[in-house]
């Protein structure tokens, strides 16, 4: 890892000295002039792609970041990395590649930035894996950097109501239940995604953008400014200037992403009712900066942070609505006033968090999106860590919008998502059942696929909250209902979820943070002796490499863990 003393000499390794004439010659070919070799070289990592509306506009944002760097004394170079669309890959084998893309994005940014010896970095992301991946790379390299979020999509409008991508997933369940005809389904399909930007509720992209801002790695307002807002281009230009100031002041990511900063991020995620994917991603980012963060930290913070935001998927409003009443800065200002944030944490502005928030406006009077501290949606955070004989390392449940906190019922066990989907479509799942989808973990999936299609289908068929869903895979930020994911250890390594049989009685209790199967220890041991580990599903290629390297979900599902 580079030390602070290395910061000002990284690009000089390439640009100075007679022996560096070939290096300079190649840079001249891409536009460098004599004076540029005396400036800090700053990379602009763009996740632009046409494969998803989340990232379709990011090429233009990257150019604005470059403009800001040039205007303030930097020598910028734009480079690209991949992205995948989680929404498009949902519900089929493509979803296996989603979480592995996080590692590839982080690895590729690290490779290019270090190979070119950039002095600093502006990273711009959109879809779900972009934000954590960019922050993981930034954390590993530890050079001055700012993350810019591409921004949220506008909600669509149909028959006087706001609609989004989750509306479409749930409509599929309604269609199969006979509650909607094909014409209405097509109208929804054509309406829910009106343009550029990431999925509009408090789903994973907006959750992780909010966490990045709370970490101090984005400029104030980055996470809630919509993709199409004129302020997003200005933010990119200011991000370029901010990186150069960080470089001048020798401020690096590990000065910013401290344990207290991660506590701030968890606090904001809990108050907003964010995605369960925040557990995976914050653990992975913390690993990249060598901060000791565990599931127990999430649970410790959850207990003292109220759930305040009435945001989709379990609430009424979208991220753009939140932006219009003060955005994430307004929420953070409220949390700071209540003593729930560490105001002394450093940020990419070069100022402390409390200093940044002092100049921000409070939430608008009379708004109904963010509840008062003394009248929350829930007195504690809705993202609950569960442990018990079914998940010794932990599992994660999102309890927002649910009327009951305890669920007990017989399990219906499926070894893949397709079998579970068919059972739901065929009406084989009834109220009170616990649907178990296993061999869907980081190794077993591989890639820990999301289950938005299944959860949306249950909601669409009127079973939301009436059927529990349990998996060693994970859920989309758009999932809601009585769902438990990230069960660890996973089935592929012989975790207790691999030993379940149809009819076993499972209890999920968010009040006691318990997840338990009513099977004796002796019987579980007998089943474990009979269990045979299945081979990895892929014997070559990226998914084979990923399955062989990936850690448990309880440790962030990272691939560079020193075991």
Protein backbone atom coordinates (compact mmCIF):
# COMPACT_ATOMS: atom_id res chain seq x y z
CA UNK A 1 0.00 0.00 0.00
CA UNK A 2 1.38 3.48 -0.84
CA UNK A 3 2.32 5.72 2.07
CA UNK A 4 1.59 9.45 2.17
CA UNK A 5 5.24 10.14 1.27
CA UNK A 6 4.65 8.36 -2.07
CA UNK A 7 1.73 10.52 -3.14
CA UNK A 8 3.58 13.26 -4.98
CA UNK A 9 5.97 10.96 -6.83
CA UNK A 10 3.70 8.29 -8.31
CA UNK A 11 3.22 9.93 -11.71
CA UNK A 12 6.80 11.23 -11.75
CA UNK A 13 7.99 7.64 -12.01
CA UNK A 14 6.57 7.76 -15.53
CA UNK A 15 6.92 11.42 -16.52
CA UNK A 16 10.40 12.54 -15.40
CA UNK A 17 13.94 11.74 -16.53
CA UNK A 18 15.63 11.06 -19.84
CA UNK A 19 14.87 7.37 -19.59
CA UNK A 20 11.17 8.22 -19.43
CA UNK A 21 11.06 9.69 -22.94
CA UNK A 22 9.05 6.68 -24.29
CA UNK A 23 6.55 7.07 -21.43
CA UNK A 24 6.10 10.75 -22.19
CA UNK A 25 5.85 10.09 -25.91
CA UNK A 26 2.87 7.82 -25.37
CA UNK A 27 1.16 10.39 -23.14
CA UNK A 28 1.71 13.06 -25.77
CA UNK A 29 -0.26 10.87 -28.16
CA UNK A 30 -3.31 11.15 -25.89
CA UNK A 31 -3.02 14.93 -25.53
CA UNK A 32 -0.37 15.75 -22.92
CA UNK A 33 1.72 18.90 -23.40
CA UNK A 34 5.04 19.83 -21.74
CA UNK A 35 3.30 21.53 -18.82
CA UNK A 36 1.13 18.50 -18.07
CA UNK A 37 4.19 16.50 -17.00
CA UNK A 38 4.60 18.90 -14.08
CA UNK A 39 1.05 18.38 -12.85
CA UNK A 40 -0.39 15.57 -10.72
CA UNK A 41 -1.85 12.86 -12.93
CA UNK A 42 -5.41 12.02 -11.82
CA UNK A 43 -7.42 9.07 -13.05
CA UNK A 44 -11.14 9.36 -13.71
CA UNK A 45 -12.68 5.90 -13.36
CA UNK A 46 -15.88 5.79 -15.40
CA UNK A 47 -18.41 2.99 -15.19
CA UNK A 48 -20.22 4.19 -18.30
CA UNK A 49 -22.13 1.53 -20.19
CA UNK A 50 -25.19 1.15 -22.37
CA UNK A 51 -26.28 -2.05 -20.62
CA UNK A 52 -28.19 -0.24 -17.86
CA UNK A 53 -29.99 3.10 -17.34
CA UNK A 54 -28.03 3.47 -14.10
CA UNK A 55 -24.83 4.16 -16.05
CA UNK A 56 -25.92 5.38 -19.48
CA UNK A 57 -25.01 9.02 -18.69
CA UNK A 58 -21.76 8.50 -16.82
CA UNK A 59 -19.53 9.14 -19.85
CA UNK A 60 -20.69 12.76 -19.77
CA UNK A 61 -20.18 12.99 -16.02
CA UNK A 62 -16.61 11.72 -16.44
CA UNK A 63 -15.93 14.51 -18.92
CA UNK A 64 -17.14 17.05 -16.36
CA UNK A 65 -14.81 15.55 -13.75
CA UNK A 66 -11.96 15.86 -16.24
CA UNK A 67 -12.92 19.49 -16.89
CA UNK A 68 -12.81 20.24 -13.16
CA UNK A 69 -9.39 18.62 -12.82
CA UNK A 70 -7.97 20.55 -15.77
CA UNK A 71 -9.31 23.84 -14.43
CA UNK A 72 -7.57 23.38 -11.08
CA UNK A 73 -4.13 22.16 -12.08
CA UNK A 74 -4.51 18.44 -12.67
CA UNK A 75 -3.59 16.27 -15.64
CA UNK A 76 -6.61 13.93 -15.91
CA UNK A 77 -7.08 10.73 -17.86
CA UNK A 78 -10.42 8.91 -18.18
CA UNK A 79 -10.54 5.13 -18.17
CA UNK A 80 -13.44 2.71 -18.07
CA UNK A 81 -14.41 -0.36 -16.14
CA UNK A 82 -17.33 -2.78 -16.43
CA UNK A 83 -20.78 -2.79 -14.97
CA UNK A 84 -23.69 -5.20 -15.08
CA UNK A 85 -27.36 -4.38 -14.64
CA UNK A 86 -28.73 -6.13 -11.58
CA UNK A 87 -32.30 -5.52 -12.73
CA UNK A 88 -31.70 -7.08 -16.14
CA UNK A 89 -29.73 -10.02 -14.73
CA UNK A 90 -32.42 -10.74 -12.12
CA UNK A 91 -34.33 -14.01 -12.18
CA UNK A 92 -32.01 -16.02 -14.43
CA UNK A 93 -28.44 -17.33 -14.54
CA UNK A 94 -27.09 -13.85 -15.30
CA UNK A 95 -27.57 -12.93 -11.63
CA UNK A 96 -24.71 -15.30 -10.73
CA UNK A 97 -22.34 -12.74 -12.24
CA UNK A 98 -23.62 -9.72 -10.33
CA UNK A 99 -21.72 -9.93 -7.05
CA UNK A 100 -18.52 -11.17 -8.77
CA UNK A 101 -18.67 -8.00 -10.87
CA UNK A 102 -17.99 -6.03 -7.68
CA UNK A 103 -14.60 -7.71 -7.37
CA UNK A 104 -13.78 -7.24 -11.05
CA UNK A 105 -14.66 -3.54 -10.95
CA UNK A 106 -12.51 -3.03 -7.84
CA UNK A 107 -9.64 -5.08 -9.26
CA UNK A 108 -9.68 -3.28 -12.59
CA UNK A 109 -9.64 0.19 -11.03
CA UNK A 110 -6.78 -0.88 -8.76
CA UNK A 111 -4.86 -2.32 -11.73
CA UNK A 112 -5.20 0.69 -14.03
CA UNK A 113 -4.57 3.27 -11.31
CA UNK A 114 -1.44 1.54 -10.06
CA UNK A 115 -0.12 0.62 -13.50
CA UNK A 116 -0.41 4.23 -14.69
CA UNK A 117 0.88 5.57 -11.33
CA UNK A 118 -1.97 8.06 -10.93
CA UNK A 119 -1.61 10.50 -8.03
CA UNK A 120 -5.32 10.54 -7.27
CA UNK A 121 -8.70 9.33 -8.47
CA UNK A 122 -12.24 10.44 -9.18
CA UNK A 123 -14.50 7.37 -9.43
CA UNK A 124 -18.04 7.66 -10.81
CA UNK A 125 -20.57 4.85 -10.40
CA UNK A 126 -24.24 4.08 -10.80
CA UNK A 127 -25.65 0.53 -10.53
CA UNK A 128 -25.54 -1.51 -7.33
CA UNK A 129 -22.00 -2.92 -7.40
CA UNK A 130 -20.34 0.27 -8.63
CA UNK A 131 -20.27 2.18 -5.35
CA UNK A 132 -18.82 -0.56 -3.12
CA UNK A 133 -16.39 -1.63 -5.84
CA UNK A 134 -15.07 1.89 -6.36
CA UNK A 135 -14.68 2.38 -2.61
CA UNK A 136 -12.93 -0.98 -2.23
CA UNK A 137 -10.39 -0.01 -4.88
CA UNK A 138 -9.94 3.42 -3.34
CA UNK A 139 -9.41 1.84 0.07
CA UNK A 140 -6.84 -0.64 -1.18
CA UNK A 141 -4.76 1.98 -3.02
CA UNK A 142 -5.09 4.67 -0.35
CA UNK A 143 -4.41 7.61 -2.65
CA UNK A 144 -6.47 10.84 -2.59
CA UNK A 145 -9.87 10.07 -4.09
CA UNK A 146 -13.48 11.20 -4.31
CA UNK A 147 -16.45 9.03 -5.22
CA UNK A 148 -19.29 10.52 -7.27
CA UNK A 149 -22.67 8.79 -7.48
CA UNK A 150 -24.29 8.95 -10.93
CA UNK A 151 -27.64 9.60 -9.29
CA UNK A 152 -31.11 8.17 -8.92
CA UNK A 153 -33.64 7.71 -11.72
CA UNK A 154 -36.88 9.68 -11.77
CA UNK A 155 -39.95 7.65 -10.88
CA UNK A 156 -42.30 6.74 -13.70
CA UNK A 157 -45.95 7.77 -13.59
CA UNK A 158 -48.91 5.59 -14.51
CA UNK A 159 -52.58 6.26 -13.80
CA UNK A 160 -51.69 9.02 -11.36
CA UNK A 161 -49.27 6.90 -9.34
CA UNK A 162 -45.48 6.74 -9.12
CA UNK A 163 -44.07 3.45 -10.39
CA UNK A 164 -40.58 1.96 -10.56
CA UNK A 165 -38.77 -1.25 -11.50
CA UNK A 166 -40.08 -3.13 -8.45
CA UNK A 167 -43.60 -2.32 -9.65
CA UNK A 168 -42.77 -4.33 -12.77
CA UNK A 169 -41.44 -7.33 -10.83
CA UNK A 170 -44.51 -7.38 -8.58
CA UNK A 171 -46.80 -6.99 -11.59
CA UNK A 172 -45.51 -10.32 -12.91
CA UNK A 173 -46.85 -12.02 -9.79
CA UNK A 174 -50.17 -10.21 -10.18
CA UNK A 175 -50.37 -11.30 -13.81
CA UNK A 176 -49.78 -14.97 -12.93
CA UNK A 177 -52.43 -14.67 -10.22
CA UNK A 178 -54.96 -13.39 -12.75
CA UNK A 179 -55.12 -9.96 -11.11
CA UNK A 180 -53.79 -8.15 -14.19
CA UNK A 181 -54.03 -8.64 -17.95
CA UNK A 182 -51.16 -8.60 -20.43
CA UNK A 183 -52.07 -5.13 -21.72
CA UNK A 184 -51.69 -3.57 -18.26
CA UNK A 185 -48.46 -5.50 -17.70
CA UNK A 186 -47.10 -4.01 -20.94
CA UNK A 187 -48.14 -0.48 -19.85
CA UNK A 188 -46.16 -0.95 -16.63
CA UNK A 189 -43.16 -2.28 -18.54
CA UNK A 190 -43.14 0.82 -20.75
CA UNK A 191 -43.47 3.29 -17.86
CA UNK A 192 -41.37 2.29 -14.87
CA UNK A 193 -37.92 3.37 -16.16
CA UNK A 194 -38.27 6.81 -17.81
CA UNK A 195 -34.56 7.56 -18.31
CA UNK A 196 -31.06 7.64 -16.85
CA UNK A 197 -30.28 6.83 -13.25
CA UNK A 198 -30.26 4.02 -10.71
CA UNK A 199 -33.41 2.37 -9.32
CA UNK A 200 -35.37 5.06 -7.55
CA UNK A 201 -36.30 3.69 -4.12
CA UNK A 202 -34.07 3.02 -1.12
CA UNK A 203 -32.73 0.00 -2.97
CA UNK A 204 -29.08 -1.06 -3.07
CA UNK A 205 -27.68 1.67 -5.35
CA UNK A 206 -29.22 4.52 -3.36
CA UNK A 207 -28.44 2.77 -0.09
CA UNK A 208 -24.74 2.44 -0.90
CA UNK A 209 -24.55 5.98 -2.30
CA UNK A 210 -25.99 7.24 1.00
CA UNK A 211 -23.47 5.12 2.90
CA UNK A 212 -20.61 6.56 0.81
CA UNK A 213 -21.71 10.08 1.65
CA UNK A 214 -21.98 9.20 5.34
CA UNK A 215 -18.50 7.65 5.16
CA UNK A 216 -17.22 11.01 4.02
CA UNK A 217 -16.09 9.78 0.60
CA UNK A 218 -18.57 11.82 -1.49
CA UNK A 219 -19.30 15.52 -1.63
CA UNK A 220 -22.39 16.59 0.36
CA UNK A 221 -25.59 15.85 -1.55
CA UNK A 222 -24.01 13.37 -3.95
CA UNK A 223 -26.23 10.46 -2.94
CA UNK A 224 -29.60 12.14 -3.40
CA UNK A 225 -29.03 14.43 -6.40
CA UNK A 226 -30.92 12.86 -9.35
CA UNK A 227 -29.02 11.62 -12.38
CA UNK A 228 -30.57 14.18 -14.73
CA UNK A 229 -30.16 17.18 -12.39
CA UNK A 230 -27.84 19.94 -13.60
CA UNK A 231 -26.16 19.87 -10.20
CA UNK A 232 -24.72 16.43 -10.94
CA UNK A 233 -22.40 17.80 -13.64
CA UNK A 234 -21.29 20.59 -11.31
CA UNK A 235 -20.62 18.03 -8.59
CA UNK A 236 -18.27 16.14 -10.90
CA UNK A 237 -16.30 19.30 -11.61
CA UNK A 238 -16.10 20.05 -7.89
CA UNK A 239 -14.98 16.48 -7.24
CA UNK A 240 -11.99 17.08 -9.51
CA UNK A 241 -11.03 20.16 -7.54
CA UNK A 242 -11.55 18.29 -4.24
CA UNK A 243 -9.14 15.49 -5.20
CA UNK A 244 -6.39 18.02 -5.90
CA UNK A 245 -7.00 19.65 -2.51
CA UNK A 246 -6.78 16.25 -0.83
CA UNK A 247 -3.49 15.66 -2.63
CA UNK A 248 -2.08 19.02 -1.55
CA UNK A 249 -3.08 18.34 2.06
CA UNK A 250 -1.92 14.69 2.07
CA UNK A 251 -5.39 13.41 3.02
CA UNK A 252 -5.92 9.80 1.98
CA UNK A 253 -8.94 7.48 2.20
CA UNK A 254 -7.77 5.74 5.36
CA UNK A 255 -7.78 9.11 7.10
CA UNK A 256 -11.47 9.33 6.20
CA UNK A 257 -12.82 5.75 6.27
CA UNK A 258 -12.22 5.06 9.95
CA UNK A 259 -14.22 2.82 12.28
CA UNK A 260 -16.25 5.83 13.41
CA UNK A 261 -16.98 6.74 9.79
CA UNK A 262 -18.33 3.22 9.19
CA UNK A 263 -20.52 3.65 12.26
CA UNK A 264 -21.89 6.81 10.64
CA UNK A 265 -22.59 4.90 7.43
CA UNK A 266 -24.45 2.14 9.29
CA UNK A 267 -26.45 4.75 11.20
CA UNK A 268 -27.61 6.44 7.99
CA UNK A 269 -28.48 3.09 6.36
CA UNK A 270 -30.58 2.10 9.39
CA UNK A 271 -32.38 5.45 9.58
CA UNK A 272 -33.19 5.30 5.87
CA UNK A 273 -34.25 1.62 5.96
CA UNK A 274 -31.70 0.65 3.34
CA UNK A 275 -30.87 -2.57 1.55
CA UNK A 276 -29.56 -5.69 3.28
CA UNK A 277 -26.75 -5.61 0.71
CA UNK A 278 -25.23 -2.83 2.82
CA UNK A 279 -23.97 -5.54 5.18
CA UNK A 280 -21.98 -7.30 2.46
CA UNK A 281 -20.63 -4.14 0.93
CA UNK A 282 -19.69 -2.20 4.06
CA UNK A 283 -17.89 -5.27 5.41
CA UNK A 284 -15.97 -5.51 2.13
CA UNK A 285 -15.08 -1.81 2.07
CA UNK A 286 -13.95 -1.98 5.69
CA UNK A 287 -11.72 -4.93 4.79
CA UNK A 288 -10.12 -2.82 2.05
CA UNK A 289 -9.06 -0.15 4.56
CA UNK A 290 -8.15 -2.66 7.30
CA UNK A 291 -10.95 -1.59 9.64
CA UNK A 292 -12.32 -4.31 11.91
CA UNK A 293 -16.05 -4.29 11.18
CA UNK A 294 -18.35 -7.20 12.02
CA UNK A 295 -22.05 -8.07 11.95
CA UNK A 296 -22.12 -7.37 15.69
CA UNK A 297 -21.30 -3.71 14.95
CA UNK A 298 -24.38 -3.47 12.73
CA UNK A 299 -26.58 -4.92 15.46
CA UNK A 300 -25.06 -2.67 18.15
CA UNK A 301 -25.81 0.44 16.11
CA UNK A 302 -29.23 -0.75 14.91
CA UNK A 303 -30.56 -0.89 18.45
CA UNK A 304 -30.07 2.85 19.02
CA UNK A 305 -31.01 4.24 15.59
CA UNK A 306 -34.71 4.72 14.74
CA UNK A 307 -36.08 3.95 11.28
CA UNK A 308 -37.23 7.34 10.00
CA UNK A 309 -37.62 7.18 6.22
CA UNK A 310 -40.89 6.25 4.52
CA UNK A 311 -39.11 5.13 1.36
CA UNK A 312 -39.72 2.33 -1.13
CA UNK A 313 -39.77 -0.66 -1.25
CA UNK A 314 -41.75 -0.89 1.99
CA UNK A 315 -42.69 2.80 2.09
CA UNK A 316 -44.31 5.38 -0.21
CA UNK A 317 -41.58 7.61 -1.54
CA UNK A 318 -38.62 7.61 -3.93
CA UNK A 319 -35.11 9.03 -3.59
CA UNK A 320 -36.04 12.02 -5.75
CA UNK A 321 -38.79 12.87 -3.28
CA UNK A 322 -36.23 12.81 -0.48
CA UNK A 323 -33.92 15.07 -2.49
CA UNK A 324 -36.68 17.65 -2.85
CA UNK A 325 -37.10 18.02 0.93
CA UNK A 326 -33.41 18.22 1.87
CA UNK A 327 -31.87 14.97 0.74
CA UNK A 328 -29.38 12.85 2.62
CA UNK A 329 -27.60 15.95 4.03
CA UNK A 330 -30.86 16.99 5.67
CA UNK A 331 -31.28 13.52 7.20
CA UNK A 332 -27.68 13.52 8.42
CA UNK A 333 -28.10 16.99 9.91
CA UNK A 334 -31.09 15.67 11.90
CA UNK A 335 -29.16 12.60 13.05
CA UNK A 336 -26.17 14.72 14.09
CA UNK A 337 -28.39 17.04 16.12
CA UNK A 338 -29.68 13.97 17.95
CA UNK A 339 -26.16 12.79 18.76
CA UNK A 340 -26.40 9.77 16.50
CA UNK A 341 -23.47 10.65 14.20
CA UNK A 342 -19.79 11.26 14.87
CA UNK A 343 -19.39 14.85 13.72
CA UNK A 344 -15.61 14.82 14.10
CA UNK A 345 -15.01 12.43 11.17
CA UNK A 346 -12.94 13.82 8.29
CA UNK A 347 -14.48 13.99 4.81
CA UNK A 348 -13.30 14.51 1.21
CA UNK A 349 -14.05 18.23 1.54
CA UNK A 350 -11.10 18.39 3.92
CA UNK A 351 -13.57 19.38 6.63
CA UNK A 352 -15.16 17.44 9.45
CA UNK A 353 -18.65 16.01 8.94
CA UNK A 354 -20.16 18.49 11.40
CA UNK A 355 -18.58 21.39 9.52
CA UNK A 356 -20.11 20.19 6.25
CA UNK A 357 -23.54 19.78 7.78
CA UNK A 358 -23.45 23.19 9.46
CA UNK A 359 -23.87 24.81 6.04
CA UNK A 360 -26.65 22.46 4.90
CA UNK A 361 -30.34 23.32 5.15
CA UNK A 362 -32.52 21.27 7.51
CA UNK A 363 -35.33 19.13 6.16
CA UNK A 364 -38.31 21.14 4.94
CA UNK A 365 -41.06 21.96 7.37
CA UNK A 366 -44.19 19.85 7.03
CA UNK A 367 -42.59 17.09 4.98
CA UNK A 368 -43.81 13.52 5.61
CA UNK A 369 -40.98 11.46 4.13
CA UNK A 370 -38.67 11.57 7.16
CA UNK A 371 -40.45 11.00 10.44
CA UNK A 372 -39.59 12.95 13.62
CA UNK A 373 -37.14 11.26 15.97
CA UNK A 374 -39.88 10.95 18.61
CA UNK A 375 -42.35 9.38 16.16
CA UNK A 376 -40.35 6.95 14.02
CA UNK A 377 -41.64 4.20 11.77
CA UNK A 378 -39.76 1.85 14.08
CA UNK A 379 -37.82 2.73 17.26
CA UNK A 380 -34.79 0.79 16.06
CA UNK A 381 -33.26 0.04 12.68
CA UNK A 382 -35.10 -2.43 10.42
CA UNK A 383 -32.03 -4.40 9.27
CA UNK A 384 -31.65 -7.13 11.85
CA UNK A 385 -28.79 -9.59 12.38
CA UNK A 386 -30.13 -13.03 13.36
CA UNK A 387 -28.16 -15.89 14.88
CA UNK A 388 -29.02 -19.38 16.05
CA UNK A 389 -28.57 -23.05 15.25
CA UNK A 390 -29.60 -22.38 11.64
CA UNK A 391 -27.11 -19.53 11.13
CA UNK A 392 -24.22 -19.69 13.64
CA UNK A 393 -22.27 -16.98 11.77
CA UNK A 394 -25.37 -14.86 11.25
CA UNK A 395 -28.14 -14.01 8.81
CA UNK A 396 -29.76 -10.72 7.85
CA UNK A 397 -33.44 -9.78 7.79
CA UNK A 398 -35.15 -6.57 6.67
CA UNK A 399 -38.15 -5.97 8.91
CA UNK A 400 -39.44 -2.64 7.57
CA UNK A 401 -43.15 -2.49 6.80
CA UNK A 402 -43.97 -5.76 8.58
CA UNK A 403 -46.69 -5.99 11.21
CA UNK A 404 -45.23 -9.02 12.96
CA UNK A 405 -41.71 -9.62 14.16
CA UNK A 406 -41.90 -13.40 14.66
CA UNK A 407 -42.61 -16.14 12.14
CA UNK A 408 -42.85 -19.88 12.80
CA UNK A 409 -43.73 -22.44 10.18
CA UNK A 410 -42.78 -25.59 8.30
CA UNK A 411 -40.11 -25.24 5.67
CA UNK A 412 -40.31 -26.06 1.97
CA UNK A 413 -36.76 -26.72 0.81
CA UNK A 414 -35.44 -25.98 -2.69
CA UNK A 415 -31.89 -26.35 -3.94
CA UNK A 416 -32.25 -23.58 -6.50
CA UNK A 417 -34.35 -20.53 -7.29
CA UNK A 418 -36.00 -22.01 -10.40
CA UNK A 419 -37.63 -24.84 -8.42
CA UNK A 420 -38.93 -22.39 -5.84
CA UNK A 421 -40.28 -20.10 -8.55
CA UNK A 422 -42.19 -22.95 -10.19
CA UNK A 423 -43.67 -24.00 -6.86
CA UNK A 424 -44.88 -20.45 -6.18
CA UNK A 425 -46.33 -20.08 -9.69
CA UNK A 426 -48.10 -23.44 -9.36
CA UNK A 427 -49.74 -22.43 -6.09
CA UNK A 428 -47.82 -25.01 -4.05
CA UNK A 429 -46.76 -22.49 -1.38
CA UNK A 430 -49.33 -21.46 1.20
CA UNK A 431 -49.65 -19.04 4.08
CA UNK A 432 -47.43 -19.98 7.00
CA UNK A 433 -44.77 -21.74 4.92
CA UNK A 434 -41.06 -20.95 5.15
CA UNK A 435 -39.57 -21.18 1.67
CA UNK A 436 -35.88 -22.15 1.82
CA UNK A 437 -33.63 -21.58 -1.20
CA UNK A 438 -30.17 -22.98 -0.55
CA UNK A 439 -26.91 -23.60 -2.43
CA UNK A 440 -27.23 -19.93 -3.41
CA UNK A 441 -24.39 -18.54 -1.28
CA UNK A 442 -21.12 -16.95 -2.40
CA UNK A 443 -19.59 -20.37 -3.21
CA UNK A 444 -22.74 -22.38 -3.83
CA UNK A 445 -24.56 -19.98 -6.17
CA UNK A 446 -21.92 -19.12 -7.01
CA UNK A 447 -22.12 -15.38 -6.68
CA UNK A 448 -24.89 -15.20 -4.07
CA UNK A 449 -27.77 -14.36 -6.46
CA UNK A 450 -30.52 -11.95 -5.45
CA UNK A 451 -34.09 -13.16 -5.07
CA UNK A 452 -36.12 -10.13 -6.19
CA UNK A 453 -38.16 -12.16 -8.67
CA UNK A 454 -39.22 -14.64 -5.99
CA UNK A 455 -40.03 -12.03 -3.35
CA UNK A 456 -41.88 -9.85 -5.86
CA UNK A 457 -43.88 -12.86 -7.04
CA UNK A 458 -44.91 -13.66 -3.47
CA UNK A 459 -46.01 -10.06 -2.93
CA UNK A 460 -47.84 -10.04 -6.26
CA UNK A 461 -49.70 -13.23 -5.31
CA UNK A 462 -50.81 -11.68 -2.02
CA UNK A 463 -48.43 -13.69 0.16
CA UNK A 464 -46.15 -10.83 1.23
CA UNK A 465 -45.59 -11.17 4.98
CA UNK A 466 -47.64 -14.39 4.99
CA UNK A 467 -44.79 -16.55 3.72
CA UNK A 468 -41.20 -16.34 4.98
CA UNK A 469 -38.27 -16.74 2.61
CA UNK A 470 -34.91 -17.97 3.85
CA UNK A 471 -31.74 -18.25 1.77
CA UNK A 472 -27.95 -18.34 1.88
CA UNK A 473 -28.21 -16.09 -1.17
CA UNK A 474 -29.24 -12.48 -0.88
CA UNK A 475 -32.03 -10.07 -1.71
CA UNK A 476 -32.36 -7.06 -3.93
CA UNK A 477 -32.75 -3.74 -2.19
CA UNK A 478 -36.19 -3.82 -3.80
CA UNK A 479 -37.24 -6.97 -1.91
CA UNK A 480 -39.67 -6.72 0.96
CA UNK A 481 -41.74 -9.10 3.01
CA UNK A 482 -40.60 -11.60 5.65
CA UNK A 483 -37.24 -12.37 4.03
CA UNK A 484 -33.97 -13.58 5.57
CA UNK A 485 -30.76 -13.81 3.57
CA UNK A 486 -26.99 -14.15 3.95
CA UNK A 487 -27.44 -17.32 6.05
CA UNK A 488 -23.94 -18.35 7.09
CA UNK A 489 -22.28 -20.77 6.94
CA UNK A 490 -23.80 -21.43 3.53
CA UNK A 491 -25.04 -24.80 2.28
CA UNK A 492 -22.08 -25.35 -0.04
CA UNK A 493 -19.69 -25.59 2.93
CA UNK A 494 -22.04 -27.76 4.98
CA UNK A 495 -23.78 -25.06 6.99
CA UNK A 496 -26.94 -26.06 8.88
CA UNK A 497 -29.13 -24.77 6.04
CA UNK A 498 -27.81 -27.72 3.97
CA UNK A 499 -29.27 -30.12 6.54
CA UNK A 500 -32.88 -28.89 6.44
CA UNK A 501 -35.66 -31.21 5.31
CA UNK A 502 -39.21 -30.45 4.19
CA UNK A 503 -41.47 -30.00 7.20
CA UNK A 504 -38.78 -28.91 9.69
CA UNK A 505 -40.21 -26.14 11.85
CA UNK A 506 -38.29 -22.87 11.61
CA UNK A 507 -38.65 -19.85 13.87
CA UNK A 508 -37.48 -16.37 12.85
CA UNK A 509 -37.71 -13.76 15.63
CA UNK A 510 -36.41 -10.23 15.05
CA UNK A 511 -37.08 -9.21 18.67
CA UNK A 512 -34.77 -11.86 20.08
CA UNK A 513 -32.53 -11.84 16.97
CA UNK A 514 -33.04 -15.61 16.71
CA UNK A 515 -33.18 -17.99 13.76
CA UNK A 516 -33.82 -21.56 14.88
CA UNK A 517 -34.83 -24.93 13.47
CA UNK A 518 -36.66 -27.32 15.80
CA UNK A 519 -34.35 -30.26 15.20
CA UNK A 520 -32.25 -31.78 17.96
CA UNK A 521 -28.51 -31.35 17.96
CA UNK A 522 -28.11 -35.13 17.70
CA UNK A 523 -30.32 -35.25 14.61
CA UNK A 524 -28.44 -32.37 12.98
CA UNK A 525 -25.16 -34.18 13.64
CA UNK A 526 -26.57 -37.36 12.08
CA UNK A 527 -27.72 -35.43 9.01
CA UNK A 528 -24.30 -33.77 8.76
CA UNK A 529 -22.61 -37.19 8.62
CA UNK A 530 -24.88 -38.19 5.72
CA UNK A 531 -24.43 -34.91 3.86
CA UNK A 532 -22.24 -35.03 0.74
CA UNK A 533 -20.66 -31.81 -0.47
CA UNK A 534 -21.72 -31.14 -4.05
CA UNK A 535 -19.13 -30.16 -6.64
CA UNK A 536 -18.82 -26.51 -7.61
CA UNK A 537 -21.32 -25.70 -10.33
CA UNK A 538 -18.64 -24.31 -12.66
CA UNK A 539 -15.31 -26.01 -13.35
CA UNK A 540 -13.74 -23.22 -15.42
CA UNK A 541 -14.00 -19.49 -15.96
CA UNK A 542 -14.71 -16.55 -13.74
CA UNK A 543 -17.38 -18.25 -11.60
CA UNK A 544 -15.03 -21.12 -10.81
CA UNK A 545 -12.29 -18.70 -9.78
CA UNK A 546 -14.76 -16.69 -7.73
CA UNK A 547 -16.18 -19.74 -5.92
CA UNK A 548 -12.69 -20.94 -5.00
CA UNK A 549 -11.59 -17.56 -3.61
CA UNK A 550 -14.70 -16.01 -2.05
CA UNK A 551 -15.17 -15.70 1.71
CA UNK A 552 -18.33 -16.17 3.78
CA UNK A 553 -21.10 -13.58 3.50
CA UNK A 554 -20.50 -12.87 7.19
CA UNK A 555 -17.10 -11.48 6.16
CA UNK A 556 -18.27 -9.49 3.16
CA UNK A 557 -17.88 -12.15 0.43
CA UNK A 558 -14.46 -10.76 -0.50
CA UNK A 559 -11.92 -12.60 -2.63
CA UNK A 560 -8.67 -11.31 -1.10
CA UNK A 561 -9.14 -12.53 2.45
CA UNK A 562 -6.03 -13.99 4.07
CA UNK A 563 -7.40 -17.24 5.49
